[in-house]
Every structure is written in structure tokens, then in C-alpha cells.
């Protein structure tokens, strides 16, 4: 469940920092009933980027296969 905090009720950045590090999830900062921005730890961001990278590689591989390319062994691609 997304965590949302109203910008007007924020006491300090330390409160948000502690929360994102302890809970390993982003906090959505709300202003005038709209999401103003999202705060997350670097660890959370890095994990998100790793998933995005894998998703992009899968997409590109699927598009290549549809265009007639030979499938690539995942172990070779990810150097496992």
C-alpha cells in the first residue's frame, strides 16, 4: 500500500528519511490533493532500476525474436 504524506504536515526531512530507510518503500508527498513528488532511499531506487533493466532486456529480446533474430541464452546475456 503506498504511503502518502501531506506536505503541510511534514515535520522534517529526517522523518521521511528514517521512514524510507526502515520500510524500504517510497513515500508520496501530497500537496493540494495531488502527488507533488516521491521520496525513496537510494537502495529502493537501485532495486527499481535493476528491475527496469531486466524488463527492458526482456522486451528487446521479444521484439528481436518477432523480427526474426535468433533467441539468446539468458545465462550468456546476464553472464550467470
C-alpha atoms as a PDB file:
ATOM      1  CA  UNK A   1       0.000   0.000   0.000  1.00  0.00           C
ATOM      2  CA  UNK A   2       1.535   3.335  -0.977  1.00  0.00           C
ATOM      3  CA  UNK A   3       2.470   5.661   1.865  1.00  0.00           C
ATOM      4  CA  UNK A   4       1.250   9.212   1.371  1.00  0.00           C
ATOM      5  CA  UNK A   5       2.164  12.222   3.474  1.00  0.00           C
ATOM      6  CA  UNK A   6       0.629  15.657   3.218  1.00  0.00           C
ATOM      7  CA  UNK A   7       3.286  18.278   2.575  1.00  0.00           C
ATOM      8  CA  UNK A   8       1.725  20.628   5.126  1.00  0.00           C
ATOM      9  CA  UNK A   9       2.032  18.015   7.883  1.00  0.00           C
ATOM     10  CA  UNK A  10       5.676  17.134   7.396  1.00  0.00           C
ATOM     11  CA  UNK A  11       7.783  17.890  10.437  1.00  0.00           C
ATOM     12  CA  UNK A  12      11.223  17.256   8.997  1.00  0.00           C
ATOM     13  CA  UNK A  13      13.120  15.573   6.224  1.00  0.00           C
ATOM     14  CA  UNK A  14      14.627  13.301   8.874  1.00  0.00           C
ATOM     15  CA  UNK A  15      11.179  11.807   9.489  1.00  0.00           C
ATOM     16  CA  UNK A  16      10.842  10.905   5.802  1.00  0.00           C
ATOM     17  CA  UNK A  17      14.431   9.696   5.565  1.00  0.00           C
ATOM     18  CA  UNK A  18      14.017   7.384   8.558  1.00  0.00           C
ATOM     19  CA  UNK A  19      10.776   6.004   7.145  1.00  0.00           C
ATOM     20  CA  UNK A  20      12.088   5.216   3.652  1.00  0.00           C
ATOM     21  CA  UNK A  21      15.187   3.509   5.042  1.00  0.00           C
ATOM     22  CA  UNK A  22      13.327   1.476   7.657  1.00  0.00           C
ATOM     23  CA  UNK A  23      10.429   0.405   5.429  1.00  0.00           C
ATOM     24  CA  UNK A  24      12.301   0.165   2.110  1.00  0.00           C
ATOM     25  CA  UNK A  25       9.450   1.772   0.203  1.00  0.00           C
ATOM     26  CA  UNK A  26       8.813   5.194  -1.312  1.00  0.00           C
ATOM     27  CA  UNK A  27       6.742   7.961   0.242  1.00  0.00           C
ATOM     28  CA  UNK A  28       4.415  10.012  -1.950  1.00  0.00           C
ATOM     29  CA  UNK A  29       4.330  13.668  -0.896  1.00  0.00           C
ATOM     30  CA  UNK A  30       0.915  15.228  -1.456  1.00  0.00           C
ATOM     31  CA  UNK A  31       0.136  18.926  -1.920  1.00  0.00           C
ATOM     32  CA  UNK A  32      -3.379  20.211  -2.624  1.00  0.00           C
ATOM     33  CA  UNK A  33      -4.643  16.638  -3.201  1.00  0.00           C
ATOM     34  CA  UNK A  34      -2.065  15.997  -5.945  1.00  0.00           C
ATOM     35  CA  UNK A  35       1.091  13.924  -5.790  1.00  0.00           C
ATOM     36  CA  UNK A  36       3.862  16.523  -5.760  1.00  0.00           C
ATOM     37  CA  UNK A  37       6.865  14.183  -5.644  1.00  0.00           C
ATOM     38  CA  UNK A  38       8.118  10.798  -4.431  1.00  0.00           C
ATOM     39  CA  UNK A  39      10.930  10.204  -1.960  1.00  0.00           C
ATOM     40  CA  UNK A  40      12.755   6.884  -1.774  1.00  0.00           C
ATOM     41  CA  UNK A  41      16.057   5.587  -0.491  1.00  0.00           C
ATOM     42  CA  UNK A  42      18.895   5.024  -2.907  1.00  0.00           C
ATOM     43  CA  UNK A  43      18.638   1.286  -2.181  1.00  0.00           C
ATOM     44  CA  UNK A  44      14.969   1.292  -3.248  1.00  0.00           C
ATOM     45  CA  UNK A  45      15.804   3.314  -6.375  1.00  0.00           C
ATOM     46  CA  UNK A  46      18.679   0.988  -7.276  1.00  0.00           C
ATOM     47  CA  UNK A  47      16.425  -2.073  -6.926  1.00  0.00           C
ATOM     48  CA  UNK A  48      13.819  -0.390  -9.115  1.00  0.00           C
ATOM     49  CA  UNK A  49      16.413   0.356 -11.804  1.00  0.00           C
ATOM     50  CA  UNK A  50      17.626  -3.259 -11.776  1.00  0.00           C
ATOM     51  CA  UNK A  51      14.079  -4.485 -12.403  1.00  0.00           C
ATOM     52  CA  UNK A  52      13.640  -1.865 -15.143  1.00  0.00           C
ATOM     53  CA  UNK A  53      16.861  -3.027 -16.791  1.00  0.00           C
ATOM     54  CA  UNK A  54      15.705  -6.652 -16.788  1.00  0.00           C
ATOM     55  CA  UNK A  55      12.266  -5.676 -18.105  1.00  0.00           C
ATOM     56  CA  UNK A  56      13.878  -3.686 -20.927  1.00  0.00           C
ATOM     57  CA  UNK A  57      16.163  -6.589 -21.852  1.00  0.00           C
ATOM     58  CA  UNK A  58      13.187  -8.970 -21.985  1.00  0.00           C
ATOM     59  CA  UNK A  59      11.236  -6.537 -24.145  1.00  0.00           C
ATOM     60  CA  UNK A  60      14.146  -6.070 -26.561  1.00  0.00           C
ATOM     61  CA  UNK A  61      14.654  -9.825 -26.777  1.00  0.00           C
ATOM     62  CA  UNK A  62      10.973 -10.427 -27.503  1.00  0.00           C
ATOM     63  CA  UNK A  63      10.995  -7.747 -30.211  1.00  0.00           C
ATOM     64  CA  UNK A  64      14.117  -9.283 -31.740  1.00  0.00           C
ATOM     65  CA  UNK A  65      12.516 -12.731 -31.869  1.00  0.00           C
ATOM     66  CA  UNK A  66       9.410 -11.238 -33.502  1.00  0.00           C
ATOM     67  CA  UNK A  67      11.722  -9.655 -36.095  1.00  0.00           C
ATOM     68  CA  UNK A  68      13.442 -12.967 -36.846  1.00  0.00           C
ATOM     69  CA  UNK A  69      16.512 -12.791 -34.616  1.00  0.00           C
ATOM     70  CA  UNK A  70      17.803 -15.963 -33.010  1.00  0.00           C
ATOM     71  CA  UNK A  71      16.966 -16.151 -29.276  1.00  0.00           C
ATOM     72  CA  UNK A  72      19.893 -15.517 -26.928  1.00  0.00           C
ATOM     73  CA  UNK A  73      20.719 -17.729 -23.971  1.00  0.00           C
ATOM     74  CA  UNK A  74      19.806 -15.793 -20.799  1.00  0.00           C
ATOM     75  CA  UNK A  75      22.865 -17.191 -18.975  1.00  0.00           C
ATOM     76  CA  UNK A  76      25.138 -15.643 -21.612  1.00  0.00           C
ATOM     77  CA  UNK A  77      23.199 -12.351 -21.661  1.00  0.00           C
ATOM     78  CA  UNK A  78      23.248 -11.889 -17.871  1.00  0.00           C
ATOM     79  CA  UNK A  79      26.681 -13.532 -17.535  1.00  0.00           C
ATOM     80  CA  UNK A  80      25.374 -16.028 -14.981  1.00  0.00           C
END
